[in-house]
Amino acid sequence: MSFDMEMEEYHEDIELKKKYKEELEKLQKEMTEEAKKVREDYVKNPSKMSGSYIHIHENSPYLAEEHERLITFNKKDLVKKKNS
């Protein structure tokens, strides 16, 4: 390879890198704008779900027989049973 070919390839690489950088910046801007829209929509229309989950261990009172349970749950409320 001659020096001129290497320089030509080098300049082509630089041009490609500029194009890739411009494309990435464009995509970044689009993604940022979309994220802002999602956030604004959530503020206007909040989800009823908290995004959290409940993990129940195999020894959990939730899995005990009904008469053995230490707690009961009525829809959203947890009620601890009092010791008798």
N, C-alpha and C. Protein backbone atom coordinates (compact mmCIF):
# COMPACT_ATOMS: atom_id res chain seq x y z
N MET A 1 0.83 -1.18 0.00
CA MET A 1 0.00 0.00 0.00
C MET A 1 0.87 1.24 0.00
N SER A 2 0.41 2.15 -0.74
CA SER A 2 1.17 3.40 -0.78
C SER A 2 0.66 4.34 0.30
N PHE A 3 1.45 5.33 0.57
CA PHE A 3 1.10 6.33 1.57
C PHE A 3 -0.17 7.07 1.17
N ASP A 4 -0.33 7.36 -0.13
CA ASP A 4 -1.52 8.07 -0.59
C ASP A 4 -2.79 7.26 -0.35
N MET A 5 -2.73 5.94 -0.57
CA MET A 5 -3.90 5.10 -0.33
C MET A 5 -4.25 5.06 1.15
N GLU A 6 -3.23 4.98 1.97
CA GLU A 6 -3.47 4.95 3.42
C GLU A 6 -4.12 6.24 3.87
N MET A 7 -3.65 7.36 3.35
CA MET A 7 -4.23 8.66 3.72
C MET A 7 -5.68 8.77 3.23
N GLU A 8 -5.93 8.24 2.04
CA GLU A 8 -7.28 8.27 1.48
C GLU A 8 -8.23 7.45 2.35
N GLU A 9 -7.78 6.25 2.73
CA GLU A 9 -8.58 5.40 3.61
C GLU A 9 -8.79 6.06 4.97
N TYR A 10 -7.79 6.72 5.46
CA TYR A 10 -7.87 7.42 6.75
C TYR A 10 -8.95 8.50 6.68
N HIS A 11 -8.96 9.27 5.59
CA HIS A 11 -9.96 10.33 5.44
C HIS A 11 -11.36 9.76 5.25
N GLU A 12 -11.46 8.62 4.55
CA GLU A 12 -12.75 7.96 4.41
C GLU A 12 -13.26 7.49 5.77
N ASP A 13 -12.35 6.95 6.59
CA ASP A 13 -12.72 6.52 7.94
C ASP A 13 -13.21 7.70 8.77
N ILE A 14 -12.54 8.82 8.64
CA ILE A 14 -12.95 10.01 9.40
C ILE A 14 -14.35 10.44 8.97
N GLU A 15 -14.62 10.42 7.67
CA GLU A 15 -15.94 10.80 7.17
C GLU A 15 -17.01 9.83 7.67
N LEU A 16 -16.69 8.53 7.66
CA LEU A 16 -17.64 7.55 8.18
C LEU A 16 -17.91 7.79 9.66
N LYS A 17 -16.86 8.05 10.41
CA LYS A 17 -17.01 8.30 11.84
C LYS A 17 -17.87 9.53 12.08
N LYS A 18 -17.71 10.56 11.25
CA LYS A 18 -18.55 11.76 11.38
C LYS A 18 -20.01 11.42 11.12
N LYS A 19 -20.25 10.62 10.07
CA LYS A 19 -21.62 10.22 9.75
C LYS A 19 -22.23 9.40 10.88
N TYR A 20 -21.45 8.44 11.42
CA TYR A 20 -21.94 7.64 12.54
C TYR A 20 -22.22 8.51 13.76
N LYS A 21 -21.35 9.44 14.02
CA LYS A 21 -21.53 10.32 15.17
C LYS A 21 -22.79 11.17 14.99
N GLU A 22 -22.99 11.70 13.79
CA GLU A 22 -24.19 12.49 13.52
C GLU A 22 -25.44 11.65 13.68
N GLU A 23 -25.39 10.43 13.17
CA GLU A 23 -26.55 9.53 13.29
C GLU A 23 -26.83 9.19 14.76
N LEU A 24 -25.78 8.92 15.52
CA LEU A 24 -25.96 8.62 16.94
C LEU A 24 -26.51 9.82 17.70
N GLU A 25 -26.04 11.00 17.37
CA GLU A 25 -26.56 12.21 18.02
C GLU A 25 -28.03 12.42 17.68
N LYS A 26 -28.39 12.14 16.43
CA LYS A 26 -29.79 12.26 16.01
C LYS A 26 -30.65 11.27 16.80
N LEU A 27 -30.20 10.02 16.88
CA LEU A 27 -30.93 9.00 17.64
C LEU A 27 -31.04 9.37 19.12
N GLN A 28 -29.97 9.90 19.67
CA GLN A 28 -29.97 10.30 21.08
C GLN A 28 -31.02 11.39 21.31
N LYS A 29 -31.08 12.34 20.40
CA LYS A 29 -32.05 13.44 20.52
C LYS A 29 -33.47 12.89 20.43
N GLU A 30 -33.72 11.98 19.49
CA GLU A 30 -35.05 11.39 19.35
C GLU A 30 -35.45 10.61 20.59
N MET A 31 -34.51 9.84 21.13
CA MET A 31 -34.81 9.05 22.32
C MET A 31 -35.07 9.94 23.53
N THR A 32 -34.31 11.01 23.64
CA THR A 32 -34.50 11.95 24.75
C THR A 32 -35.87 12.61 24.66
N GLU A 33 -36.26 13.02 23.46
CA GLU A 33 -37.57 13.64 23.26
C GLU A 33 -38.69 12.65 23.59
N GLU A 34 -38.53 11.41 23.16
CA GLU A 34 -39.54 10.40 23.44
C GLU A 34 -39.63 10.13 24.94
N ALA A 35 -38.51 10.08 25.62
CA ALA A 35 -38.51 9.87 27.08
C ALA A 35 -39.21 11.03 27.79
N LYS A 36 -38.99 12.24 27.31
CA LYS A 36 -39.67 13.40 27.90
C LYS A 36 -41.19 13.28 27.72
N LYS A 37 -41.62 12.83 26.53
CA LYS A 37 -43.05 12.66 26.28
C LYS A 37 -43.65 11.60 27.19
N VAL A 38 -42.92 10.50 27.39
CA VAL A 38 -43.41 9.43 28.26
C VAL A 38 -43.54 9.95 29.69
N ARG A 39 -42.55 10.69 30.14
CA ARG A 39 -42.60 11.25 31.49
C ARG A 39 -43.76 12.22 31.65
N GLU A 40 -43.94 13.11 30.68
CA GLU A 40 -45.06 14.07 30.74
C GLU A 40 -46.39 13.33 30.76
N ASP A 41 -46.52 12.28 29.94
CA ASP A 41 -47.75 11.51 29.91
C ASP A 41 -47.99 10.84 31.26
N TYR A 42 -46.93 10.33 31.88
CA TYR A 42 -47.09 9.69 33.19
C TYR A 42 -47.51 10.70 34.25
N VAL A 43 -46.98 11.92 34.18
CA VAL A 43 -47.37 12.94 35.15
C VAL A 43 -48.84 13.28 34.97
N LYS A 44 -49.30 13.35 33.73
CA LYS A 44 -50.71 13.67 33.46
C LYS A 44 -51.62 12.48 33.75
N ASN A 45 -51.16 11.29 33.49
CA ASN A 45 -51.96 10.07 33.65
C ASN A 45 -51.18 9.03 34.45
N PRO A 46 -51.04 9.24 35.76
CA PRO A 46 -50.23 8.31 36.56
C PRO A 46 -50.81 6.89 36.55
N SER A 47 -49.93 5.95 36.63
CA SER A 47 -50.31 4.55 36.65
C SER A 47 -50.84 4.18 38.03
N LYS A 48 -51.78 3.28 38.07
CA LYS A 48 -52.30 2.82 39.35
C LYS A 48 -51.38 1.75 39.94
N MET A 49 -50.51 1.23 39.11
CA MET A 49 -49.56 0.22 39.58
C MET A 49 -48.30 0.92 40.04
N SER A 50 -47.73 0.47 41.13
CA SER A 50 -46.54 1.11 41.67
C SER A 50 -45.27 0.67 40.97
N GLY A 51 -45.34 -0.43 40.25
CA GLY A 51 -44.15 -0.96 39.62
C GLY A 51 -43.40 -1.92 40.53
N SER A 52 -43.89 -2.08 41.75
CA SER A 52 -43.24 -3.00 42.67
C SER A 52 -43.93 -4.36 42.61
N TYR A 53 -43.32 -5.33 43.21
CA TYR A 53 -43.90 -6.66 43.24
C TYR A 53 -43.76 -7.23 44.64
N ILE A 54 -44.53 -8.24 44.93
CA ILE A 54 -44.49 -8.88 46.23
C ILE A 54 -43.82 -10.24 46.07
N HIS A 55 -42.83 -10.48 46.88
CA HIS A 55 -42.13 -11.77 46.88
C HIS A 55 -42.61 -12.54 48.10
N ILE A 56 -43.09 -13.74 47.89
CA ILE A 56 -43.59 -14.56 49.00
C ILE A 56 -42.68 -15.77 49.15
N HIS A 57 -42.08 -15.88 50.33
CA HIS A 57 -41.18 -16.99 50.63
C HIS A 57 -41.99 -18.25 50.86
N GLU A 58 -41.37 -19.41 50.66
CA GLU A 58 -42.07 -20.68 50.82
C GLU A 58 -42.60 -20.90 52.24
N ASN A 59 -42.00 -20.25 53.24
CA ASN A 59 -42.47 -20.38 54.62
C ASN A 59 -43.36 -19.20 55.03
N SER A 60 -43.85 -18.48 54.08
CA SER A 60 -44.65 -17.29 54.36
C SER A 60 -45.99 -17.64 54.99
N PRO A 61 -46.47 -16.77 55.90
CA PRO A 61 -47.81 -16.99 56.46
C PRO A 61 -48.90 -16.88 55.39
N TYR A 62 -48.61 -16.26 54.28
CA TYR A 62 -49.58 -16.19 53.19
C TYR A 62 -49.95 -17.59 52.69
N LEU A 63 -48.99 -18.51 52.79
CA LEU A 63 -49.20 -19.85 52.28
C LEU A 63 -49.71 -20.82 53.33
N ALA A 64 -49.85 -20.39 54.56
CA ALA A 64 -50.34 -21.25 55.64
C ALA A 64 -51.83 -21.53 55.42
N GLU A 65 -52.33 -22.56 56.12
CA GLU A 65 -53.77 -22.82 56.09
C GLU A 65 -54.49 -21.60 56.66
N GLU A 66 -55.70 -21.37 56.25
CA GLU A 66 -56.41 -20.15 56.63
C GLU A 66 -56.46 -19.95 58.14
N HIS A 67 -56.71 -21.00 58.91
CA HIS A 67 -56.79 -20.86 60.36
C HIS A 67 -55.42 -20.65 61.01
N GLU A 68 -54.33 -20.96 60.28
CA GLU A 68 -52.98 -20.81 60.81
C GLU A 68 -52.34 -19.45 60.47
N ARG A 69 -52.93 -18.73 59.58
CA ARG A 69 -52.32 -17.50 59.11
C ARG A 69 -52.17 -16.46 60.21
N LEU A 70 -51.02 -15.80 60.20
CA LEU A 70 -50.77 -14.74 61.17
C LEU A 70 -51.31 -13.41 60.69
N ILE A 71 -51.55 -13.33 59.39
CA ILE A 71 -52.11 -12.11 58.82
C ILE A 71 -53.19 -12.47 57.83
N THR A 72 -54.09 -11.55 57.61
CA THR A 72 -55.11 -11.71 56.59
C THR A 72 -55.00 -10.51 55.65
N PHE A 73 -55.54 -10.65 54.50
CA PHE A 73 -55.48 -9.54 53.57
C PHE A 73 -56.83 -9.39 52.89
N ASN A 74 -57.32 -8.18 52.93
CA ASN A 74 -58.58 -7.82 52.30
C ASN A 74 -58.27 -6.84 51.19
N LYS A 75 -58.20 -7.32 49.98
CA LYS A 75 -57.85 -6.53 48.80
C LYS A 75 -56.50 -5.86 48.99
N LYS A 76 -56.47 -4.58 49.39
CA LYS A 76 -55.20 -3.87 49.49
C LYS A 76 -54.65 -3.82 50.91
N ASP A 77 -55.47 -4.12 51.91
CA ASP A 77 -55.05 -3.97 53.30
C ASP A 77 -54.57 -5.29 53.90
N LEU A 78 -53.50 -5.21 54.64
CA LEU A 78 -53.01 -6.36 55.41
C LEU A 78 -53.42 -6.16 56.86
N VAL A 79 -53.96 -7.19 57.45
CA VAL A 79 -54.40 -7.11 58.83
C VAL A 79 -53.68 -8.19 59.62
N LYS A 80 -52.90 -7.77 60.64
CA LYS A 80 -52.22 -8.75 61.49
C LYS A 80 -53.20 -9.27 62.53
N LYS A 81 -53.19 -10.57 62.72
CA LYS A 81 -54.06 -11.16 63.75
C LYS A 81 -53.45 -10.91 65.11
N LYS A 82 -54.30 -10.63 66.07
CA LYS A 82 -53.83 -10.43 67.44
C LYS A 82 -53.63 -11.78 68.09
N ASN A 83 -52.63 -11.85 68.95
CA ASN A 83 -52.38 -13.11 69.69
C ASN A 83 -53.51 -13.34 70.67
N SER A 84 -54.08 -14.53 70.68
CA SER A 84 -55.19 -14.82 71.59
C SER A 84 -54.69 -15.48 72.84
